[in-house]
Amino acid sequence: MRIATFTVLFTLSFGVLAGLSVVDNAYAQGAAKGASGLPLPRFVSLKSRKVNIRIGPSTDYAVSWMYMKAGTPMEIIQEYDNWRRVRDAEGTEGWVNQALLSGERTAIAAPWMRGKGKDVYVNLRRDPQATASVVAKLEPGVMIKINECNGEWCQAEADGTKGWLAQGEIWGAYPGEAFK
């Protein structure tokens, strides 16, 4: 009993020190809301072409990274005043002012499959079903605009081509998440 209690307390303490990463999975289930009243975590995108990511929630903190593409999907994992702690598809985290974020949903096609071979693609289909015809083959890492998700499929657009992708093949929508 004493060892189990210590393990739980140590795990929770470590989670707090590590920026709440231990409880991030609970947030993905809609269990928490930030100071803004919106759910944590949640997906957004970068509004501007150049966005500084800082090591802390203020312009007094150093810039750790600069993103150079508007529309890049980000996951908000924490809120503090007008600052949002975000995570990108590769796991890089930092703070950005909320004014530089947009509610427009974008995603990245299977970023975990990058470098797995020449013939690895994510199929963009005409309809939201596995048997529907393929309208485009997307390389892993391609950024797409998401128009809606039904919990299994997302209606998306990539370079002017519209279609449906399996929701599990993108980074930018949670499993089972539905929105229009």
N, C-alpha and C. Protein backbone atom coordinates (compact mmCIF):
# COMPACT_ATOMS: atom_id res chain seq x y z
N MET A 1 0.83 -1.20 0.00
CA MET A 1 0.00 0.00 0.00
C MET A 1 0.87 1.25 0.00
N ARG A 2 1.88 1.25 0.84
CA ARG A 2 2.76 2.41 0.94
C ARG A 2 3.51 2.65 -0.37
N ILE A 3 3.98 1.59 -1.02
CA ILE A 3 4.70 1.71 -2.29
C ILE A 3 3.75 2.20 -3.38
N ALA A 4 2.54 1.67 -3.41
CA ALA A 4 1.56 2.09 -4.42
C ALA A 4 1.23 3.57 -4.25
N THR A 5 1.04 4.02 -3.01
CA THR A 5 0.75 5.44 -2.76
C THR A 5 1.90 6.31 -3.22
N PHE A 6 3.12 5.89 -2.89
CA PHE A 6 4.30 6.64 -3.31
C PHE A 6 4.37 6.73 -4.83
N THR A 7 4.10 5.61 -5.50
CA THR A 7 4.17 5.58 -6.97
C THR A 7 3.16 6.56 -7.57
N VAL A 8 1.93 6.55 -7.05
CA VAL A 8 0.91 7.46 -7.55
C VAL A 8 1.31 8.91 -7.31
N LEU A 9 1.75 9.22 -6.09
CA LEU A 9 2.14 10.59 -5.77
C LEU A 9 3.34 11.02 -6.60
N PHE A 10 4.31 10.12 -6.77
CA PHE A 10 5.49 10.45 -7.58
C PHE A 10 5.08 10.71 -9.02
N THR A 11 4.21 9.85 -9.56
CA THR A 11 3.76 10.01 -10.95
C THR A 11 3.01 11.33 -11.12
N LEU A 12 2.11 11.65 -10.19
CA LEU A 12 1.37 12.91 -10.30
C LEU A 12 2.30 14.10 -10.13
N SER A 13 3.23 14.04 -9.20
CA SER A 13 4.19 15.13 -9.00
C SER A 13 5.04 15.32 -10.23
N PHE A 14 5.51 14.22 -10.80
CA PHE A 14 6.33 14.31 -12.00
C PHE A 14 5.51 14.91 -13.14
N GLY A 15 4.22 14.53 -13.22
CA GLY A 15 3.35 15.07 -14.27
C GLY A 15 3.21 16.58 -14.15
N VAL A 16 3.08 17.10 -12.94
CA VAL A 16 2.99 18.54 -12.74
C VAL A 16 4.30 19.21 -13.14
N LEU A 17 5.42 18.63 -12.74
CA LEU A 17 6.71 19.21 -13.11
C LEU A 17 6.97 19.14 -14.60
N ALA A 18 6.44 18.13 -15.26
CA ALA A 18 6.67 17.96 -16.69
C ALA A 18 5.63 18.70 -17.51
N GLY A 19 4.90 19.61 -16.93
CA GLY A 19 3.94 20.41 -17.69
C GLY A 19 2.62 19.71 -17.91
N LEU A 20 2.20 18.91 -16.96
CA LEU A 20 0.90 18.24 -16.99
C LEU A 20 0.78 17.16 -18.05
N SER A 21 1.88 16.66 -18.57
CA SER A 21 1.80 15.66 -19.63
C SER A 21 1.13 14.39 -19.16
N VAL A 22 1.17 14.06 -17.87
CA VAL A 22 0.54 12.86 -17.37
C VAL A 22 -0.98 12.94 -17.54
N VAL A 23 -1.55 14.11 -17.40
CA VAL A 23 -2.99 14.24 -17.50
C VAL A 23 -3.47 14.70 -18.87
N ASP A 24 -2.56 14.87 -19.83
CA ASP A 24 -2.97 15.30 -21.17
C ASP A 24 -3.99 14.35 -21.79
N ASN A 25 -3.83 13.03 -21.55
CA ASN A 25 -4.76 12.08 -22.14
C ASN A 25 -6.17 12.29 -21.62
N ALA A 26 -6.32 12.65 -20.37
CA ALA A 26 -7.65 12.93 -19.82
C ALA A 26 -8.26 14.15 -20.50
N TYR A 27 -7.45 15.15 -20.81
CA TYR A 27 -7.96 16.35 -21.47
C TYR A 27 -8.47 16.03 -22.86
N ALA A 28 -7.80 15.12 -23.54
CA ALA A 28 -8.22 14.77 -24.89
C ALA A 28 -9.63 14.18 -24.89
N GLN A 29 -10.07 13.69 -23.75
CA GLN A 29 -11.41 13.13 -23.64
C GLN A 29 -12.44 14.22 -23.30
N GLY A 30 -12.03 15.48 -23.26
CA GLY A 30 -12.95 16.57 -22.97
C GLY A 30 -13.17 16.78 -21.49
N ALA A 31 -12.23 16.33 -20.65
CA ALA A 31 -12.41 16.38 -19.21
C ALA A 31 -12.08 17.74 -18.62
N ALA A 32 -11.41 18.62 -19.36
CA ALA A 32 -10.97 19.88 -18.77
C ALA A 32 -11.28 21.05 -19.69
N LYS A 33 -11.42 22.20 -19.08
CA LYS A 33 -11.58 23.45 -19.84
C LYS A 33 -10.53 24.42 -19.34
N GLY A 34 -10.02 25.23 -20.27
CA GLY A 34 -9.04 26.23 -19.91
C GLY A 34 -9.71 27.48 -19.38
N ALA A 35 -8.91 28.47 -19.04
CA ALA A 35 -9.42 29.75 -18.54
C ALA A 35 -10.35 30.42 -19.56
N SER A 36 -10.15 30.11 -20.84
CA SER A 36 -10.99 30.69 -21.90
C SER A 36 -12.38 30.06 -21.93
N GLY A 37 -12.56 28.95 -21.21
CA GLY A 37 -13.83 28.22 -21.25
C GLY A 37 -13.86 27.18 -22.36
N LEU A 38 -12.82 27.13 -23.16
CA LEU A 38 -12.73 26.15 -24.25
C LEU A 38 -12.02 24.90 -23.75
N PRO A 39 -12.27 23.76 -24.40
CA PRO A 39 -11.67 22.51 -23.93
C PRO A 39 -10.15 22.48 -24.09
N LEU A 40 -9.51 21.76 -23.20
CA LEU A 40 -8.08 21.48 -23.28
C LEU A 40 -7.89 19.98 -23.26
N PRO A 41 -7.05 19.45 -24.12
CA PRO A 41 -6.42 20.14 -25.24
C PRO A 41 -7.41 20.34 -26.38
N ARG A 42 -7.00 21.12 -27.37
CA ARG A 42 -7.80 21.33 -28.58
C ARG A 42 -6.86 21.72 -29.71
N PHE A 43 -7.32 21.51 -30.93
CA PHE A 43 -6.51 21.84 -32.10
C PHE A 43 -6.90 23.21 -32.66
N VAL A 44 -5.90 23.94 -33.11
CA VAL A 44 -6.04 25.23 -33.76
C VAL A 44 -4.99 25.28 -34.88
N SER A 45 -4.83 26.43 -35.50
CA SER A 45 -3.77 26.60 -36.49
C SER A 45 -3.13 27.98 -36.32
N LEU A 46 -1.96 28.12 -36.90
CA LEU A 46 -1.27 29.41 -36.84
C LEU A 46 -1.92 30.38 -37.81
N LYS A 47 -2.16 31.60 -37.35
CA LYS A 47 -2.83 32.62 -38.15
C LYS A 47 -1.85 33.33 -39.09
N SER A 48 -0.63 33.52 -38.64
CA SER A 48 0.35 34.33 -39.37
C SER A 48 1.42 33.47 -40.03
N ARG A 49 2.10 34.07 -40.99
CA ARG A 49 3.19 33.39 -41.70
C ARG A 49 4.40 33.20 -40.80
N LYS A 50 4.68 34.16 -39.93
CA LYS A 50 5.79 34.04 -38.99
C LYS A 50 5.24 34.11 -37.57
N VAL A 51 5.50 33.06 -36.80
CA VAL A 51 5.02 32.99 -35.42
C VAL A 51 6.16 32.52 -34.53
N ASN A 52 6.46 33.33 -33.52
CA ASN A 52 7.48 32.95 -32.54
C ASN A 52 6.86 32.08 -31.46
N ILE A 53 7.54 31.01 -31.13
CA ILE A 53 7.17 30.16 -30.01
C ILE A 53 8.18 30.45 -28.91
N ARG A 54 7.69 30.77 -27.72
CA ARG A 54 8.55 31.19 -26.61
C ARG A 54 8.64 30.12 -25.54
N ILE A 55 9.66 30.23 -24.70
CA ILE A 55 9.84 29.25 -23.63
C ILE A 55 8.93 29.51 -22.43
N GLY A 56 8.28 30.65 -22.40
CA GLY A 56 7.35 30.99 -21.33
C GLY A 56 6.26 31.91 -21.84
N PRO A 57 5.20 32.14 -21.04
CA PRO A 57 4.03 32.89 -21.46
C PRO A 57 4.16 34.41 -21.36
N SER A 58 5.10 34.99 -22.09
CA SER A 58 5.28 36.44 -22.10
C SER A 58 6.34 36.78 -23.15
N THR A 59 6.31 38.02 -23.63
CA THR A 59 7.37 38.45 -24.55
C THR A 59 8.70 38.62 -23.83
N ASP A 60 8.68 38.55 -22.50
CA ASP A 60 9.92 38.59 -21.72
C ASP A 60 10.73 37.30 -21.86
N TYR A 61 10.09 36.24 -22.31
CA TYR A 61 10.76 34.95 -22.47
C TYR A 61 11.39 34.85 -23.85
N ALA A 62 12.46 34.09 -23.92
CA ALA A 62 13.20 33.90 -25.17
C ALA A 62 12.36 33.13 -26.20
N VAL A 63 12.64 33.42 -27.47
CA VAL A 63 12.02 32.68 -28.58
C VAL A 63 12.79 31.37 -28.72
N SER A 64 12.06 30.27 -28.72
CA SER A 64 12.71 28.97 -28.87
C SER A 64 12.58 28.43 -30.29
N TRP A 65 11.58 28.92 -31.01
CA TRP A 65 11.32 28.40 -32.35
C TRP A 65 10.52 29.42 -33.12
N MET A 66 10.69 29.47 -34.44
CA MET A 66 9.87 30.33 -35.28
C MET A 66 9.24 29.48 -36.38
N TYR A 67 7.92 29.54 -36.46
CA TYR A 67 7.20 28.84 -37.52
C TYR A 67 7.02 29.80 -38.68
N MET A 68 7.16 29.28 -39.88
CA MET A 68 7.17 30.12 -41.07
C MET A 68 6.02 29.84 -42.03
N LYS A 69 4.96 29.17 -41.57
CA LYS A 69 3.85 28.85 -42.46
C LYS A 69 2.52 29.03 -41.76
N ALA A 70 1.73 29.95 -42.26
CA ALA A 70 0.37 30.13 -41.75
C ALA A 70 -0.41 28.84 -41.99
N GLY A 71 -1.31 28.53 -41.07
CA GLY A 71 -2.12 27.33 -41.21
C GLY A 71 -1.53 26.10 -40.56
N THR A 72 -0.32 26.18 -40.05
CA THR A 72 0.29 25.02 -39.40
C THR A 72 -0.58 24.60 -38.21
N PRO A 73 -0.98 23.32 -38.15
CA PRO A 73 -1.81 22.89 -37.02
C PRO A 73 -1.02 22.84 -35.72
N MET A 74 -1.67 23.22 -34.65
CA MET A 74 -1.10 23.20 -33.30
C MET A 74 -2.15 22.65 -32.34
N GLU A 75 -1.67 22.04 -31.28
CA GLU A 75 -2.55 21.57 -30.23
C GLU A 75 -2.33 22.44 -29.00
N ILE A 76 -3.38 23.10 -28.53
CA ILE A 76 -3.27 23.89 -27.29
C ILE A 76 -3.39 22.93 -26.13
N ILE A 77 -2.38 22.96 -25.25
CA ILE A 77 -2.36 22.04 -24.11
C ILE A 77 -2.46 22.75 -22.77
N GLN A 78 -2.32 24.08 -22.78
CA GLN A 78 -2.40 24.84 -21.53
C GLN A 78 -2.70 26.30 -21.87
N GLU A 79 -3.36 27.01 -20.95
CA GLU A 79 -3.65 28.42 -21.13
C GLU A 79 -3.16 29.21 -19.93
N TYR A 80 -2.65 30.40 -20.20
CA TYR A 80 -2.27 31.32 -19.14
C TYR A 80 -2.49 32.73 -19.67
N ASP A 81 -3.46 33.43 -19.10
CA ASP A 81 -3.78 34.78 -19.54
C ASP A 81 -4.05 34.76 -21.05
N ASN A 82 -3.35 35.57 -21.84
CA ASN A 82 -3.53 35.60 -23.30
C ASN A 82 -2.55 34.69 -24.02
N TRP A 83 -1.91 33.80 -23.30
CA TRP A 83 -0.88 32.92 -23.87
C TRP A 83 -1.39 31.48 -23.88
N ARG A 84 -0.96 30.76 -24.92
CA ARG A 84 -1.34 29.37 -25.08
C ARG A 84 -0.09 28.52 -25.24
N ARG A 85 -0.02 27.49 -24.43
CA ARG A 85 1.07 26.52 -24.60
C ARG A 85 0.63 25.55 -25.68
N VAL A 86 1.43 25.44 -26.72
CA VAL A 86 1.06 24.64 -27.88
C VAL A 86 2.08 23.52 -28.11
N ARG A 87 1.62 22.53 -28.86
CA ARG A 87 2.47 21.40 -29.26
C ARG A 87 2.25 21.19 -30.75
N ASP A 88 3.34 20.95 -31.49
CA ASP A 88 3.20 20.66 -32.92
C ASP A 88 3.19 19.15 -33.15
N ALA A 89 3.07 18.75 -34.41
CA ALA A 89 2.95 17.34 -34.76
C ALA A 89 4.19 16.53 -34.41
N GLU A 90 5.32 17.20 -34.24
CA GLU A 90 6.55 16.49 -33.89
C GLU A 90 6.80 16.48 -32.38
N GLY A 91 5.91 17.12 -31.62
CA GLY A 91 6.03 17.13 -30.17
C GLY A 91 6.71 18.35 -29.58
N THR A 92 7.14 19.28 -30.43
CA THR A 92 7.77 20.51 -29.94
C THR A 92 6.71 21.36 -29.23
N GLU A 93 7.06 21.86 -28.03
CA GLU A 93 6.13 22.66 -27.24
C GLU A 93 6.69 24.03 -26.96
N GLY A 94 5.80 24.99 -26.77
CA GLY A 94 6.19 26.33 -26.39
C GLY A 94 4.95 27.20 -26.25
N TRP A 95 5.16 28.48 -26.00
CA TRP A 95 4.07 29.42 -25.73
C TRP A 95 3.92 30.41 -26.88
N VAL A 96 2.67 30.71 -27.22
CA VAL A 96 2.36 31.66 -28.29
C VAL A 96 1.18 32.52 -27.83
N ASN A 97 1.18 33.78 -28.23
CA ASN A 97 0.07 34.66 -27.91
C ASN A 97 -1.17 34.21 -28.67
N GLN A 98 -2.32 34.21 -28.00
CA GLN A 98 -3.56 33.73 -28.62
C GLN A 98 -3.93 34.50 -29.88
N ALA A 99 -3.50 35.75 -30.02
CA ALA A 99 -3.83 36.54 -31.21
C ALA A 99 -3.20 35.96 -32.48
N LEU A 100 -2.22 35.09 -32.32
CA LEU A 100 -1.54 34.49 -33.47
C LEU A 100 -2.11 33.13 -33.84
N LEU A 101 -3.21 32.74 -33.18
CA LEU A 101 -3.84 31.45 -33.43
C LEU A 101 -5.21 31.63 -34.04
N SER A 102 -5.60 30.66 -34.85
CA SER A 102 -6.90 30.68 -35.52
C SER A 102 -7.66 29.42 -35.19
N GLY A 103 -8.97 29.52 -35.16
CA GLY A 103 -9.82 28.35 -34.96
C GLY A 103 -9.96 27.50 -36.21
N GLU A 104 -9.41 27.97 -37.33
CA GLU A 104 -9.48 27.19 -38.58
C GLU A 104 -8.74 25.88 -38.37
N ARG A 105 -9.38 24.78 -38.76
CA ARG A 105 -8.80 23.47 -38.53
C ARG A 105 -7.96 23.03 -39.73
N THR A 106 -6.76 22.65 -39.44
CA THR A 106 -5.85 22.07 -40.42
C THR A 106 -5.29 20.80 -39.80
N ALA A 107 -4.60 20.03 -40.60
CA ALA A 107 -4.02 18.79 -40.09
C ALA A 107 -2.80 18.43 -40.94
N ILE A 108 -2.09 17.44 -40.48
CA ILE A 108 -0.95 16.91 -41.22
C ILE A 108 -1.23 15.44 -41.48
N ALA A 109 -1.07 15.04 -42.73
CA ALA A 109 -1.30 13.65 -43.11
C ALA A 109 -0.19 12.77 -42.52
N ALA A 110 -0.57 11.85 -41.68
CA ALA A 110 0.29 10.82 -41.10
C ALA A 110 1.75 11.22 -40.91
N PRO A 111 2.02 12.23 -40.06
CA PRO A 111 3.42 12.64 -39.88
C PRO A 111 4.31 11.52 -39.35
N TRP A 112 3.73 10.57 -38.64
CA TRP A 112 4.48 9.44 -38.09
C TRP A 112 4.96 8.48 -39.19
N MET A 113 4.47 8.65 -40.42
CA MET A 113 4.87 7.77 -41.53
C MET A 113 5.96 8.39 -42.41
N ARG A 114 6.39 9.62 -42.11
CA ARG A 114 7.46 10.23 -42.91
C ARG A 114 8.70 9.37 -42.90
N GLY A 115 9.30 9.23 -44.06
CA GLY A 115 10.53 8.47 -44.17
C GLY A 115 10.36 6.96 -44.12
N LYS A 116 9.14 6.45 -44.23
CA LYS A 116 8.89 5.02 -44.16
C LYS A 116 8.94 4.34 -45.53
N GLY A 117 9.24 5.10 -46.56
CA GLY A 117 9.33 4.51 -47.90
C GLY A 117 8.70 5.40 -48.95
N LYS A 118 9.01 5.08 -50.20
CA LYS A 118 8.52 5.89 -51.32
C LYS A 118 7.04 5.68 -51.61
N ASP A 119 6.55 4.48 -51.34
CA ASP A 119 5.18 4.15 -51.72
C ASP A 119 4.20 4.21 -50.55
N VAL A 120 4.48 5.08 -49.58
CA VAL A 120 3.60 5.25 -48.43
C VAL A 120 2.77 6.50 -48.65
N TYR A 121 1.46 6.34 -48.68
CA TYR A 121 0.55 7.45 -48.94
C TYR A 121 -0.65 7.39 -48.01
N VAL A 122 -1.32 8.52 -47.88
CA VAL A 122 -2.62 8.60 -47.24
C VAL A 122 -3.61 8.88 -48.36
N ASN A 123 -4.62 8.03 -48.45
CA ASN A 123 -5.59 8.17 -49.54
C ASN A 123 -6.67 9.19 -49.20
N LEU A 124 -6.85 10.14 -50.11
CA LEU A 124 -7.95 11.10 -50.04
C LEU A 124 -9.04 10.49 -50.93
N ARG A 125 -10.19 10.18 -50.35
CA ARG A 125 -11.24 9.44 -51.07
C ARG A 125 -12.43 10.33 -51.41
N ARG A 126 -13.17 9.90 -52.43
CA ARG A 126 -14.33 10.66 -52.89
C ARG A 126 -15.43 10.72 -51.83
N ASP A 127 -15.63 9.65 -51.09
CA ASP A 127 -16.67 9.55 -50.06
C ASP A 127 -16.06 9.03 -48.76
N PRO A 128 -16.76 9.20 -47.64
CA PRO A 128 -16.22 8.75 -46.35
C PRO A 128 -16.41 7.24 -46.10
N GLN A 129 -15.75 6.45 -46.93
CA GLN A 129 -15.76 5.01 -46.75
C GLN A 129 -14.51 4.41 -47.40
N ALA A 130 -14.04 3.33 -46.83
CA ALA A 130 -12.78 2.71 -47.27
C ALA A 130 -12.85 2.19 -48.70
N THR A 131 -14.04 1.93 -49.20
CA THR A 131 -14.18 1.39 -50.56
C THR A 131 -14.36 2.49 -51.62
N ALA A 132 -14.47 3.74 -51.19
CA ALA A 132 -14.66 4.85 -52.14
C ALA A 132 -13.41 5.05 -53.00
N SER A 133 -13.60 5.57 -54.17
CA SER A 133 -12.47 5.78 -55.07
C SER A 133 -11.51 6.83 -54.51
N VAL A 134 -10.24 6.66 -54.83
CA VAL A 134 -9.19 7.56 -54.37
C VAL A 134 -9.10 8.74 -55.34
N VAL A 135 -9.18 9.96 -54.79
CA VAL A 135 -9.07 11.16 -55.62
C VAL A 135 -7.67 11.75 -55.58
N ALA A 136 -6.91 11.40 -54.53
CA ALA A 136 -5.52 11.86 -54.43
C ALA A 136 -4.77 10.99 -53.43
N LYS A 137 -3.48 10.86 -53.65
CA LYS A 137 -2.60 10.16 -52.71
C LYS A 137 -1.70 11.22 -52.09
N LEU A 138 -1.79 11.36 -50.78
CA LEU A 138 -1.03 12.39 -50.07
C LEU A 138 0.21 11.78 -49.42
N GLU A 139 1.34 12.43 -49.61
CA GLU A 139 2.55 11.99 -48.92
C GLU A 139 2.44 12.32 -47.44
N PRO A 140 2.98 11.47 -46.59
CA PRO A 140 2.99 11.79 -45.15
C PRO A 140 3.68 13.14 -44.91
N GLY A 141 3.06 13.95 -44.07
CA GLY A 141 3.60 15.27 -43.76
C GLY A 141 2.93 16.40 -44.53
N VAL A 142 2.08 16.09 -45.48
CA VAL A 142 1.38 17.12 -46.24
C VAL A 142 0.35 17.80 -45.34
N MET A 143 0.30 19.13 -45.40
CA MET A 143 -0.68 19.88 -44.61
C MET A 143 -1.98 19.98 -45.39
N ILE A 144 -3.09 19.77 -44.69
CA ILE A 144 -4.41 19.81 -45.31
C ILE A 144 -5.33 20.72 -44.49
N LYS A 145 -6.35 21.22 -45.14
CA LYS A 145 -7.40 22.00 -44.46
C LYS A 145 -8.54 21.03 -44.18
N ILE A 146 -9.03 21.05 -42.94
CA ILE A 146 -10.14 20.18 -42.57
C ILE A 146 -11.42 21.00 -42.53
N ASN A 147 -12.45 20.53 -43.22
CA ASN A 147 -13.74 21.21 -43.22
C ASN A 147 -14.69 20.65 -42.17
N GLU A 148 -14.63 19.33 -41.96
CA GLU A 148 -15.46 18.68 -40.95
C GLU A 148 -14.93 17.28 -40.68
N CYS A 149 -15.29 16.75 -39.51
CA CYS A 149 -14.99 15.36 -39.15
C CYS A 149 -16.25 14.77 -38.53
N ASN A 150 -16.48 13.47 -38.81
CA ASN A 150 -17.66 12.82 -38.25
C ASN A 150 -17.32 11.80 -37.17
N GLY A 151 -16.07 11.76 -36.75
CA GLY A 151 -15.63 10.81 -35.73
C GLY A 151 -14.83 9.67 -36.32
N GLU A 152 -15.01 9.41 -37.61
CA GLU A 152 -14.26 8.36 -38.30
C GLU A 152 -13.55 8.90 -39.54
N TRP A 153 -14.15 9.86 -40.19
CA TRP A 153 -13.63 10.43 -41.44
C TRP A 153 -13.62 11.94 -41.35
N CYS A 154 -12.66 12.56 -42.03
CA CYS A 154 -12.60 14.02 -42.11
C CYS A 154 -12.68 14.45 -43.56
N GLN A 155 -13.55 15.42 -43.84
CA GLN A 155 -13.65 16.00 -45.17
C GLN A 155 -12.58 17.07 -45.23
N ALA A 156 -11.68 16.96 -46.19
CA ALA A 156 -10.50 17.82 -46.22
C ALA A 156 -10.18 18.28 -47.63
N GLU A 157 -9.27 19.24 -47.68
CA GLU A 157 -8.81 19.77 -48.96
C GLU A 157 -7.29 19.86 -48.93
N ALA A 158 -6.68 19.36 -49.99
CA ALA A 158 -5.22 19.42 -50.13
C ALA A 158 -4.91 19.93 -51.53
N ASP A 159 -4.29 21.10 -51.58
CA ASP A 159 -3.87 21.69 -52.85
C ASP A 159 -5.02 21.75 -53.87
N GLY A 160 -6.21 22.16 -53.40
CA GLY A 160 -7.36 22.33 -54.27
C GLY A 160 -8.18 21.07 -54.51
N THR A 161 -7.72 19.92 -54.05
CA THR A 161 -8.46 18.68 -54.22
C THR A 161 -9.19 18.36 -52.93
N LYS A 162 -10.51 18.13 -53.04
CA LYS A 162 -11.33 17.83 -51.88
C LYS A 162 -11.65 16.34 -51.82
N GLY A 163 -11.78 15.84 -50.59
CA GLY A 163 -12.13 14.44 -50.39
C GLY A 163 -12.19 14.11 -48.92
N TRP A 164 -12.18 12.83 -48.63
CA TRP A 164 -12.31 12.33 -47.26
C TRP A 164 -11.10 11.48 -46.89
N LEU A 165 -10.61 11.68 -45.66
CA LEU A 165 -9.50 10.89 -45.12
C LEU A 165 -9.97 10.18 -43.87
N ALA A 166 -9.41 9.00 -43.63
CA ALA A 166 -9.68 8.32 -42.36
C ALA A 166 -9.12 9.19 -41.23
N GLN A 167 -9.91 9.43 -40.21
CA GLN A 167 -9.52 10.34 -39.13
C GLN A 167 -8.25 9.87 -38.41
N GLY A 168 -8.01 8.58 -38.37
CA GLY A 168 -6.83 8.04 -37.72
C GLY A 168 -5.55 8.23 -38.52
N GLU A 169 -5.66 8.77 -39.72
CA GLU A 169 -4.49 8.97 -40.58
C GLU A 169 -4.01 10.41 -40.61
N ILE A 170 -4.52 11.23 -39.68
CA ILE A 170 -4.10 12.63 -39.64
C ILE A 170 -3.74 13.04 -38.22
N TRP A 171 -2.92 14.09 -38.12
CA TRP A 171 -2.65 14.73 -36.84
C TRP A 171 -3.31 16.10 -36.95
N GLY A 172 -4.37 16.30 -36.18
CA GLY A 172 -5.12 17.55 -36.23
C GLY A 172 -6.57 17.37 -35.82
N ALA A 173 -6.97 16.13 -35.53
CA ALA A 173 -8.31 15.83 -35.02
C ALA A 173 -8.17 14.62 -34.09
N TYR A 174 -8.85 14.67 -32.97
CA TYR A 174 -8.78 13.57 -32.01
C TYR A 174 -9.61 12.39 -32.49
N PRO A 175 -9.24 11.18 -32.09
CA PRO A 175 -10.05 10.00 -32.42
C PRO A 175 -11.46 10.19 -31.89
N GLY A 176 -12.43 9.97 -32.75
CA GLY A 176 -13.83 10.09 -32.36
C GLY A 176 -14.38 11.51 -32.32
N GLU A 177 -13.54 12.52 -32.54
CA GLU A 177 -13.99 13.91 -32.50
C GLU A 177 -14.83 14.22 -33.73
N ALA A 178 -15.96 14.87 -33.52
CA ALA A 178 -16.84 15.26 -34.62
C ALA A 178 -17.07 16.77 -34.55
N PHE A 179 -17.00 17.43 -35.70
CA PHE A 179 -17.26 18.87 -35.80
C PHE A 179 -17.56 19.24 -37.23
N LYS A 180 -18.21 20.41 -37.40
CA LYS A 180 -18.47 20.97 -38.75
C LYS A 180 -17.98 22.37 -38.78
